[in-house]
mmCIF file of all heavy atoms, coordinates in Angstrom:
data_MODEL
# 
_entry.id   MODEL 
# 
loop_
_atom_site.group_PDB 
_atom_site.id 
_atom_site.type_symbol 
_atom_site.label_atom_id 
_atom_site.label_alt_id 
_atom_site.label_comp_id 
_atom_site.label_asym_id 
_atom_site.label_entity_id 
_atom_site.label_seq_id 
_atom_site.pdbx_PDB_ins_code 
_atom_site.Cartn_x 
_atom_site.Cartn_y 
_atom_site.Cartn_z 
_atom_site.occupancy 
_atom_site.B_iso_or_equiv 
_atom_site.pdbx_formal_charge 
_atom_site.auth_seq_id 
_atom_site.auth_comp_id 
_atom_site.auth_asym_id 
_atom_site.auth_atom_id 
_atom_site.pdbx_PDB_model_num 
ATOM 1   N N   . ALA A 1 1  ? 187.005 12.631 8.712  1.00 0.00 ? 1  ALA A N   1 
ATOM 2   C CA  . ALA A 1 1  ? 187.957 13.221 9.623  1.00 0.00 ? 1  ALA A CA  1 
ATOM 3   C C   . ALA A 1 1  ? 187.713 12.677 11.011 1.00 0.00 ? 1  ALA A C   1 
ATOM 4   O O   . ALA A 1 1  ? 188.558 12.653 11.878 1.00 0.00 ? 1  ALA A O   1 
ATOM 5   C CB  . ALA A 1 1  ? 187.924 14.668 9.660  1.00 0.00 ? 1  ALA A CB  1 
ATOM 6   N N   . ILE A 1 2  ? 186.470 12.288 11.311 1.00 0.00 ? 2  ILE A N   1 
ATOM 7   C CA  . ILE A 1 2  ? 186.010 11.853 12.655 1.00 0.00 ? 2  ILE A CA  1 
ATOM 8   C C   . ILE A 1 2  ? 185.672 10.392 12.734 1.00 0.00 ? 2  ILE A C   1 
ATOM 9   O O   . ILE A 1 2  ? 185.941 9.755  13.652 1.00 0.00 ? 2  ILE A O   1 
ATOM 10  C CB  . ILE A 1 2  ? 184.877 12.743 13.138 1.00 0.00 ? 2  ILE A CB  1 
ATOM 11  C CG1 . ILE A 1 2  ? 185.172 14.225 12.993 1.00 0.00 ? 2  ILE A CG1 1 
ATOM 12  C CG2 . ILE A 1 2  ? 184.561 12.367 14.528 1.00 0.00 ? 2  ILE A CG2 1 
ATOM 13  C CD1 . ILE A 1 2  ? 186.401 14.755 13.781 1.00 0.00 ? 2  ILE A CD1 1 
ATOM 14  N N   . VAL A 1 3  ? 184.940 9.919  11.693 1.00 0.00 ? 3  VAL A N   1 
ATOM 15  C CA  . VAL A 1 3  ? 184.386 8.597  11.673 1.00 0.00 ? 3  VAL A CA  1 
ATOM 16  C C   . VAL A 1 3  ? 184.786 7.902  10.340 1.00 0.00 ? 3  VAL A C   1 
ATOM 17  O O   . VAL A 1 3  ? 184.827 8.548  9.316  1.00 0.00 ? 3  VAL A O   1 
ATOM 18  C CB  . VAL A 1 3  ? 182.799 8.625  11.763 1.00 0.00 ? 3  VAL A CB  1 
ATOM 19  C CG1 . VAL A 1 3  ? 182.192 7.210  11.852 1.00 0.00 ? 3  VAL A CG1 1 
ATOM 20  C CG2 . VAL A 1 3  ? 182.361 9.499  12.912 1.00 0.00 ? 3  VAL A CG2 1 
ATOM 21  N N   . PRO A 1 4  ? 185.120 6.579  10.426 1.00 0.00 ? 4  PRO A N   1 
ATOM 22  C CA  . PRO A 1 4  ? 185.577 5.930  9.213  1.00 0.00 ? 4  PRO A CA  1 
ATOM 23  C C   . PRO A 1 4  ? 184.681 6.111  8.081  1.00 0.00 ? 4  PRO A C   1 
ATOM 24  O O   . PRO A 1 4  ? 183.418 6.071  8.153  1.00 0.00 ? 4  PRO A O   1 
ATOM 25  C CB  . PRO A 1 4  ? 185.600 4.396  9.593  1.00 0.00 ? 4  PRO A CB  1 
ATOM 26  C CG  . PRO A 1 4  ? 185.818 4.424  11.096 1.00 0.00 ? 4  PRO A CG  1 
ATOM 27  C CD  . PRO A 1 4  ? 185.151 5.752  11.618 1.00 0.00 ? 4  PRO A CD  1 
ATOM 28  N N   . GLU A 1 5  ? 185.239 6.400  6.863  1.00 0.00 ? 5  GLU A N   1 
ATOM 29  C CA  . GLU A 1 5  ? 184.534 6.869  5.715  1.00 0.00 ? 5  GLU A CA  1 
ATOM 30  C C   . GLU A 1 5  ? 183.488 5.884  5.147  1.00 0.00 ? 5  GLU A C   1 
ATOM 31  O O   . GLU A 1 5  ? 183.678 4.630  5.162  1.00 0.00 ? 5  GLU A O   1 
ATOM 32  C CB  . GLU A 1 5  ? 185.575 7.204  4.570  1.00 0.00 ? 5  GLU A CB  1 
ATOM 33  C CG  . GLU A 1 5  ? 186.330 5.963  4.086  1.00 0.00 ? 5  GLU A CG  1 
ATOM 34  C CD  . GLU A 1 5  ? 187.398 6.369  3.050  1.00 0.00 ? 5  GLU A CD  1 
ATOM 35  O OE1 . GLU A 1 5  ? 188.259 7.199  3.439  1.00 0.00 ? 5  GLU A OE1 1 
ATOM 36  O OE2 . GLU A 1 5  ? 187.322 5.832  1.912  1.00 0.00 ? 5  GLU A OE2 1 
ATOM 37  N N   . ASN A 1 6  ? 182.482 6.422  4.546  1.00 0.00 ? 6  ASN A N   1 
ATOM 38  C CA  . ASN A 1 6  ? 181.440 5.679  3.865  1.00 0.00 ? 6  ASN A CA  1 
ATOM 39  C C   . ASN A 1 6  ? 180.827 4.601  4.701  1.00 0.00 ? 6  ASN A C   1 
ATOM 40  O O   . ASN A 1 6  ? 180.344 3.601  4.173  1.00 0.00 ? 6  ASN A O   1 
ATOM 41  C CB  . ASN A 1 6  ? 182.031 5.080  2.554  1.00 0.00 ? 6  ASN A CB  1 
ATOM 42  C CG  . ASN A 1 6  ? 182.232 6.055  1.455  1.00 0.00 ? 6  ASN A CG  1 
ATOM 43  O OD1 . ASN A 1 6  ? 181.275 6.945  1.186  1.00 0.00 ? 6  ASN A OD1 1 
ATOM 44  N ND2 . ASN A 1 6  ? 183.354 6.072  0.772  1.00 0.00 ? 6  ASN A ND2 1 
ATOM 45  N N   . THR A 1 7  ? 180.746 4.848  5.995  1.00 0.00 ? 7  THR A N   1 
ATOM 46  C CA  . THR A 1 7  ? 180.063 3.774  6.909  1.00 0.00 ? 7  THR A CA  1 
ATOM 47  C C   . THR A 1 7  ? 178.756 4.528  7.305  1.00 0.00 ? 7  THR A C   1 
ATOM 48  O O   . THR A 1 7  ? 178.451 5.714  7.182  1.00 0.00 ? 7  THR A O   1 
ATOM 49  C CB  . THR A 1 7  ? 180.924 3.633  8.204  1.00 0.00 ? 7  THR A CB  1 
ATOM 50  O OG1 . THR A 1 7  ? 181.090 4.804  8.811  1.00 0.00 ? 7  THR A OG1 1 
ATOM 51  C CG2 . THR A 1 7  ? 182.187 2.897  7.852  1.00 0.00 ? 7  THR A CG2 1 
ATOM 52  N N   . LEU A 1 8  ? 177.847 3.650  7.844  1.00 0.00 ? 8  LEU A N   1 
ATOM 53  C CA  . LEU A 1 8  ? 176.566 4.196  8.361  1.00 0.00 ? 8  LEU A CA  1 
ATOM 54  C C   . LEU A 1 8  ? 176.883 5.013  9.505  1.00 0.00 ? 8  LEU A C   1 
ATOM 55  O O   . LEU A 1 8  ? 176.097 6.007  9.807  1.00 0.00 ? 8  LEU A O   1 
ATOM 56  C CB  . LEU A 1 8  ? 175.629 2.956  8.743  1.00 0.00 ? 8  LEU A CB  1 
ATOM 57  C CG  . LEU A 1 8  ? 175.136 2.101  7.507  1.00 0.00 ? 8  LEU A CG  1 
ATOM 58  C CD1 . LEU A 1 8  ? 174.270 1.005  8.137  1.00 0.00 ? 8  LEU A CD1 1 
ATOM 59  C CD2 . LEU A 1 8  ? 174.404 2.961  6.569  1.00 0.00 ? 8  LEU A CD2 1 
ATOM 60  N N   . ALA A 1 9  ? 177.886 4.705  10.314 1.00 0.00 ? 9  ALA A N   1 
ATOM 61  C CA  . ALA A 1 9  ? 178.237 5.582  11.476 1.00 0.00 ? 9  ALA A CA  1 
ATOM 62  C C   . ALA A 1 9  ? 178.627 6.971  10.994 1.00 0.00 ? 9  ALA A C   1 
ATOM 63  O O   . ALA A 1 9  ? 178.307 8.015  11.660 1.00 0.00 ? 9  ALA A O   1 
ATOM 64  C CB  . ALA A 1 9  ? 179.330 4.869  12.293 1.00 0.00 ? 9  ALA A CB  1 
ATOM 65  N N   . ALA A 1 10 ? 179.382 7.008  9.868  1.00 0.00 ? 10 ALA A N   1 
ATOM 66  C CA  . ALA A 1 10 ? 179.763 8.345  9.351  1.00 0.00 ? 10 ALA A CA  1 
ATOM 67  C C   . ALA A 1 10 ? 178.620 9.109  8.872  1.00 0.00 ? 10 ALA A C   1 
ATOM 68  O O   . ALA A 1 10 ? 178.497 10.381 9.098  1.00 0.00 ? 10 ALA A O   1 
ATOM 69  C CB  . ALA A 1 10 ? 180.783 8.159  8.238  1.00 0.00 ? 10 ALA A CB  1 
ATOM 70  N N   . MET A 1 11 ? 177.665 8.444  8.271  1.00 0.00 ? 11 MET A N   1 
ATOM 71  C CA  . MET A 1 11 ? 176.431 9.165  7.844  1.00 0.00 ? 11 MET A CA  1 
ATOM 72  C C   . MET A 1 11 ? 175.573 9.646  8.922  1.00 0.00 ? 11 MET A C   1 
ATOM 73  O O   . MET A 1 11 ? 175.096 10.712 8.941  1.00 0.00 ? 11 MET A O   1 
ATOM 74  C CB  . MET A 1 11 ? 175.628 8.221  6.860  1.00 0.00 ? 11 MET A CB  1 
ATOM 75  C CG  . MET A 1 11 ? 176.387 7.714  5.715  1.00 0.00 ? 11 MET A CG  1 
ATOM 76  S SD  . MET A 1 11 ? 177.030 9.038  4.626  1.00 0.00 ? 11 MET A SD  1 
ATOM 77  C CE  . MET A 1 11 ? 178.364 8.209  3.834  1.00 0.00 ? 11 MET A CE  1 
ATOM 78  N N   . ASP A 1 12 ? 175.437 8.842  10.015 1.00 0.00 ? 12 ASP A N   1 
ATOM 79  C CA  . ASP A 1 12 ? 174.609 9.228  11.148 1.00 0.00 ? 12 ASP A CA  1 
ATOM 80  C C   . ASP A 1 12 ? 175.373 10.379 11.913 1.00 0.00 ? 12 ASP A C   1 
ATOM 81  O O   . ASP A 1 12 ? 174.644 11.262 12.324 1.00 0.00 ? 12 ASP A O   1 
ATOM 82  C CB  . ASP A 1 12 ? 174.596 7.955  12.090 1.00 0.00 ? 12 ASP A CB  1 
ATOM 83  C CG  . ASP A 1 12 ? 173.689 8.303  13.353 1.00 0.00 ? 12 ASP A CG  1 
ATOM 84  O OD1 . ASP A 1 12 ? 172.484 8.515  13.129 1.00 0.00 ? 12 ASP A OD1 1 
ATOM 85  O OD2 . ASP A 1 12 ? 174.230 8.419  14.493 1.00 0.00 ? 12 ASP A OD2 1 
ATOM 86  N N   . TYR A 1 13 ? 176.677 10.392 11.993 1.00 0.00 ? 13 TYR A N   1 
ATOM 87  C CA  . TYR A 1 13 ? 177.399 11.470 12.608 1.00 0.00 ? 13 TYR A CA  1 
ATOM 88  C C   . TYR A 1 13 ? 177.106 12.808 11.844 1.00 0.00 ? 13 TYR A C   1 
ATOM 89  O O   . TYR A 1 13 ? 176.891 13.854 12.397 1.00 0.00 ? 13 TYR A O   1 
ATOM 90  C CB  . TYR A 1 13 ? 178.840 11.181 12.735 1.00 0.00 ? 13 TYR A CB  1 
ATOM 91  C CG  . TYR A 1 13 ? 179.686 12.413 13.180 1.00 0.00 ? 13 TYR A CG  1 
ATOM 92  C CD1 . TYR A 1 13 ? 179.940 12.672 14.500 1.00 0.00 ? 13 TYR A CD1 1 
ATOM 93  C CD2 . TYR A 1 13 ? 180.286 13.236 12.295 1.00 0.00 ? 13 TYR A CD2 1 
ATOM 94  C CE1 . TYR A 1 13 ? 180.688 13.700 14.951 1.00 0.00 ? 13 TYR A CE1 1 
ATOM 95  C CE2 . TYR A 1 13 ? 181.067 14.366 12.637 1.00 0.00 ? 13 TYR A CE2 1 
ATOM 96  C CZ  . TYR A 1 13 ? 181.279 14.592 14.009 1.00 0.00 ? 13 TYR A CZ  1 
ATOM 97  O OH  . TYR A 1 13 ? 181.971 15.678 14.421 1.00 0.00 ? 13 TYR A OH  1 
ATOM 98  N N   . ALA A 1 14 ? 177.194 12.676 10.512 1.00 0.00 ? 14 ALA A N   1 
ATOM 99  C CA  . ALA A 1 14 ? 176.996 13.892 9.676  1.00 0.00 ? 14 ALA A CA  1 
ATOM 100 C C   . ALA A 1 14 ? 175.560 14.427 9.808  1.00 0.00 ? 14 ALA A C   1 
ATOM 101 O O   . ALA A 1 14 ? 175.368 15.642 9.862  1.00 0.00 ? 14 ALA A O   1 
ATOM 102 C CB  . ALA A 1 14 ? 177.266 13.469 8.165  1.00 0.00 ? 14 ALA A CB  1 
ATOM 103 N N   . LEU A 1 15 ? 174.603 13.515 9.944  1.00 0.00 ? 15 LEU A N   1 
ATOM 104 C CA  . LEU A 1 15 ? 173.197 13.950 10.200 1.00 0.00 ? 15 LEU A CA  1 
ATOM 105 C C   . LEU A 1 15 ? 173.103 14.675 11.523 1.00 0.00 ? 15 LEU A C   1 
ATOM 106 O O   . LEU A 1 15 ? 172.449 15.717 11.727 1.00 0.00 ? 15 LEU A O   1 
ATOM 107 C CB  . LEU A 1 15 ? 172.257 12.771 10.204 1.00 0.00 ? 15 LEU A CB  1 
ATOM 108 C CG  . LEU A 1 15 ? 171.980 12.250 8.858  1.00 0.00 ? 15 LEU A CG  1 
ATOM 109 C CD1 . LEU A 1 15 ? 171.225 10.912 9.102  1.00 0.00 ? 15 LEU A CD1 1 
ATOM 110 C CD2 . LEU A 1 15 ? 171.297 13.113 7.888  1.00 0.00 ? 15 LEU A CD2 1 
ATOM 111 N N   . GLU A 1 16 ? 173.851 14.155 12.534 1.00 0.00 ? 16 GLU A N   1 
ATOM 112 C CA  . GLU A 1 16 ? 173.844 14.769 13.960 1.00 0.00 ? 16 GLU A CA  1 
ATOM 113 C C   . GLU A 1 16 ? 174.340 16.026 13.982 1.00 0.00 ? 16 GLU A C   1 
ATOM 114 O O   . GLU A 1 16 ? 173.763 16.960 14.657 1.00 0.00 ? 16 GLU A O   1 
ATOM 115 C CB  . GLU A 1 16 ? 174.649 13.756 14.868 1.00 0.00 ? 16 GLU A CB  1 
ATOM 116 C CG  . GLU A 1 16 ? 174.581 14.277 16.306 1.00 0.00 ? 16 GLU A CG  1 
ATOM 117 C CD  . GLU A 1 16 ? 175.474 13.413 17.219 1.00 0.00 ? 16 GLU A CD  1 
ATOM 118 O OE1 . GLU A 1 16 ? 176.022 12.364 16.787 1.00 0.00 ? 16 GLU A OE1 1 
ATOM 119 O OE2 . GLU A 1 16 ? 175.547 13.644 18.434 1.00 0.00 ? 16 GLU A OE2 1 
ATOM 120 N N   . VAL A 1 17 ? 175.466 16.358 13.193 1.00 0.00 ? 17 VAL A N   1 
ATOM 121 C CA  . VAL A 1 17 ? 175.979 17.754 13.255 1.00 0.00 ? 17 VAL A CA  1 
ATOM 122 C C   . VAL A 1 17 ? 175.313 18.685 12.249 1.00 0.00 ? 17 VAL A C   1 
ATOM 123 O O   . VAL A 1 17 ? 175.582 19.859 12.256 1.00 0.00 ? 17 VAL A O   1 
ATOM 124 C CB  . VAL A 1 17 ? 177.530 17.667 12.954 1.00 0.00 ? 17 VAL A CB  1 
ATOM 125 C CG1 . VAL A 1 17 ? 178.250 16.735 13.900 1.00 0.00 ? 17 VAL A CG1 1 
ATOM 126 C CG2 . VAL A 1 17 ? 177.772 17.249 11.451 1.00 0.00 ? 17 VAL A CG2 1 
ATOM 127 N N   . GLY A 1 18 ? 174.380 18.149 11.515 1.00 0.00 ? 18 GLY A N   1 
ATOM 128 C CA  . GLY A 1 18 ? 173.530 19.012 10.640 1.00 0.00 ? 18 GLY A CA  1 
ATOM 129 C C   . GLY A 1 18 ? 173.986 19.358 9.351  1.00 0.00 ? 18 GLY A C   1 
ATOM 130 O O   . GLY A 1 18 ? 173.705 20.414 8.777  1.00 0.00 ? 18 GLY A O   1 
ATOM 131 N N   . VAL A 1 19 ? 174.577 18.411 8.612  1.00 0.00 ? 19 VAL A N   1 
ATOM 132 C CA  . VAL A 1 19 ? 174.974 18.695 7.238  1.00 0.00 ? 19 VAL A CA  1 
ATOM 133 C C   . VAL A 1 19 ? 173.808 18.957 6.342  1.00 0.00 ? 19 VAL A C   1 
ATOM 134 O O   . VAL A 1 19 ? 172.769 18.483 6.649  1.00 0.00 ? 19 VAL A O   1 
ATOM 135 C CB  . VAL A 1 19 ? 175.809 17.518 6.679  1.00 0.00 ? 19 VAL A CB  1 
ATOM 136 C CG1 . VAL A 1 19 ? 177.142 17.272 7.428  1.00 0.00 ? 19 VAL A CG1 1 
ATOM 137 C CG2 . VAL A 1 19 ? 175.008 16.267 6.674  1.00 0.00 ? 19 VAL A CG2 1 
ATOM 138 N N   . ASP A 1 20 ? 174.035 19.629 5.250  1.00 0.00 ? 20 ASP A N   1 
ATOM 139 C CA  . ASP A 1 20 ? 172.990 19.778 4.206  1.00 0.00 ? 20 ASP A CA  1 
ATOM 140 C C   . ASP A 1 20 ? 172.919 18.547 3.264  1.00 0.00 ? 20 ASP A C   1 
ATOM 141 O O   . ASP A 1 20 ? 171.887 18.270 2.817  1.00 0.00 ? 20 ASP A O   1 
ATOM 142 C CB  . ASP A 1 20 ? 173.254 21.008 3.433  1.00 0.00 ? 20 ASP A CB  1 
ATOM 143 C CG  . ASP A 1 20 ? 173.335 22.287 4.288  1.00 0.00 ? 20 ASP A CG  1 
ATOM 144 O OD1 . ASP A 1 20 ? 172.345 22.608 4.906  1.00 0.00 ? 20 ASP A OD1 1 
ATOM 145 O OD2 . ASP A 1 20 ? 174.413 22.932 4.324  1.00 0.00 ? 20 ASP A OD2 1 
ATOM 146 N N   . THR A 1 21 ? 174.173 17.913 3.079  1.00 0.00 ? 21 THR A N   1 
ATOM 147 C CA  . THR A 1 21 ? 174.253 16.848 2.161  1.00 0.00 ? 21 THR A CA  1 
ATOM 148 C C   . THR A 1 21 ? 175.183 15.841 2.576  1.00 0.00 ? 21 THR A C   1 
ATOM 149 O O   . THR A 1 21 ? 176.282 16.102 3.102  1.00 0.00 ? 21 THR A O   1 
ATOM 150 C CB  . THR A 1 21 ? 174.661 17.508 0.818  1.00 0.00 ? 21 THR A CB  1 
ATOM 151 O OG1 . THR A 1 21 ? 173.851 18.441 0.258  1.00 0.00 ? 21 THR A OG1 1 
ATOM 152 C CG2 . THR A 1 21 ? 174.760 16.413 -0.340 1.00 0.00 ? 21 THR A CG2 1 
ATOM 153 N N   . LEU A 1 22 ? 174.778 14.652 2.357  1.00 0.00 ? 22 LEU A N   1 
ATOM 154 C CA  . LEU A 1 22 ? 175.646 13.420 2.650  1.00 0.00 ? 22 LEU A CA  1 
ATOM 155 C C   . LEU A 1 22 ? 176.305 13.083 1.319  1.00 0.00 ? 22 LEU A C   1 
ATOM 156 O O   . LEU A 1 22 ? 175.680 12.685 0.292  1.00 0.00 ? 22 LEU A O   1 
ATOM 157 C CB  . LEU A 1 22 ? 174.871 12.214 3.122  1.00 0.00 ? 22 LEU A CB  1 
ATOM 158 C CG  . LEU A 1 22 ? 174.162 12.339 4.439  1.00 0.00 ? 22 LEU A CG  1 
ATOM 159 C CD1 . LEU A 1 22 ? 173.278 11.114 4.637  1.00 0.00 ? 22 LEU A CD1 1 
ATOM 160 C CD2 . LEU A 1 22 ? 175.058 12.495 5.586  1.00 0.00 ? 22 LEU A CD2 1 
ATOM 161 N N   . GLU A 1 23 ? 177.669 13.201 1.280  1.00 0.00 ? 23 GLU A N   1 
ATOM 162 C CA  . GLU A 1 23 ? 178.413 12.860 0.056  1.00 0.00 ? 23 GLU A CA  1 
ATOM 163 C C   . GLU A 1 23 ? 178.962 11.465 0.228  1.00 0.00 ? 23 GLU A C   1 
ATOM 164 O O   . GLU A 1 23 ? 179.517 11.160 1.349  1.00 0.00 ? 23 GLU A O   1 
ATOM 165 C CB  . GLU A 1 23 ? 179.610 13.936 -0.104 1.00 0.00 ? 23 GLU A CB  1 
ATOM 166 C CG  . GLU A 1 23 ? 180.212 13.829 -1.451 1.00 0.00 ? 23 GLU A CG  1 
ATOM 167 C CD  . GLU A 1 23 ? 181.377 12.786 -1.597 1.00 0.00 ? 23 GLU A CD  1 
ATOM 168 O OE1 . GLU A 1 23 ? 181.754 12.164 -0.557 1.00 0.00 ? 23 GLU A OE1 1 
ATOM 169 O OE2 . GLU A 1 23 ? 181.792 12.530 -2.763 1.00 0.00 ? 23 GLU A OE2 1 
ATOM 170 N N   . LEU A 1 24 ? 178.819 10.619 -0.769 1.00 0.00 ? 24 LEU A N   1 
ATOM 171 C CA  . LEU A 1 24 ? 179.230 9.265  -0.680 1.00 0.00 ? 24 LEU A CA  1 
ATOM 172 C C   . LEU A 1 24 ? 179.634 8.650  -2.006 1.00 0.00 ? 24 LEU A C   1 
ATOM 173 O O   . LEU A 1 24 ? 179.221 9.162  -3.086 1.00 0.00 ? 24 LEU A O   1 
ATOM 174 C CB  . LEU A 1 24 ? 178.127 8.335  -0.043 1.00 0.00 ? 24 LEU A CB  1 
ATOM 175 C CG  . LEU A 1 24 ? 176.704 8.486  -0.606 1.00 0.00 ? 24 LEU A CG  1 
ATOM 176 C CD1 . LEU A 1 24 ? 176.523 7.317  -1.523 1.00 0.00 ? 24 LEU A CD1 1 
ATOM 177 C CD2 . LEU A 1 24 ? 175.711 8.473  0.540  1.00 0.00 ? 24 LEU A CD2 1 
ATOM 178 N N   . ASP A 1 25 ? 180.356 7.479  -1.944 1.00 0.00 ? 25 ASP A N   1 
ATOM 179 C CA  . ASP A 1 25 ? 180.811 6.880  -3.152 1.00 0.00 ? 25 ASP A CA  1 
ATOM 180 C C   . ASP A 1 25 ? 180.169 5.512  -3.358 1.00 0.00 ? 25 ASP A C   1 
ATOM 181 O O   . ASP A 1 25 ? 179.959 4.878  -2.285 1.00 0.00 ? 25 ASP A O   1 
ATOM 182 C CB  . ASP A 1 25 ? 182.369 6.634  -3.148 1.00 0.00 ? 25 ASP A CB  1 
ATOM 183 C CG  . ASP A 1 25 ? 183.117 7.925  -2.796 1.00 0.00 ? 25 ASP A CG  1 
ATOM 184 O OD1 . ASP A 1 25 ? 183.228 8.817  -3.648 1.00 0.00 ? 25 ASP A OD1 1 
ATOM 185 O OD2 . ASP A 1 25 ? 183.649 7.949  -1.604 1.00 0.00 ? 25 ASP A OD2 1 
ATOM 186 N N   . LEU A 1 26 ? 179.891 5.113  -4.499 1.00 0.00 ? 26 LEU A N   1 
ATOM 187 C CA  . LEU A 1 26 ? 179.214 3.856  -4.800 1.00 0.00 ? 26 LEU A CA  1 
ATOM 188 C C   . LEU A 1 26 ? 180.015 2.895  -5.680 1.00 0.00 ? 26 LEU A C   1 
ATOM 189 O O   . LEU A 1 26 ? 180.507 3.342  -6.757 1.00 0.00 ? 26 LEU A O   1 
ATOM 190 C CB  . LEU A 1 26 ? 177.848 4.064  -5.411 1.00 0.00 ? 26 LEU A CB  1 
ATOM 191 C CG  . LEU A 1 26 ? 176.636 4.476  -4.498 1.00 0.00 ? 26 LEU A CG  1 
ATOM 192 C CD1 . LEU A 1 26 ? 175.389 4.388  -5.312 1.00 0.00 ? 26 LEU A CD1 1 
ATOM 193 C CD2 . LEU A 1 26 ? 176.613 3.688  -3.194 1.00 0.00 ? 26 LEU A CD2 1 
# 
C-alpha cells in the first residue's frame, strides 16, 4: 500500500513499522 510490492524497500519499511512477519512471493 505504501512501497512497491516484493521489493527490498518494502521489506525494510515493514521492518521499520514493526511487523511480526514479512509475507512474500517466490
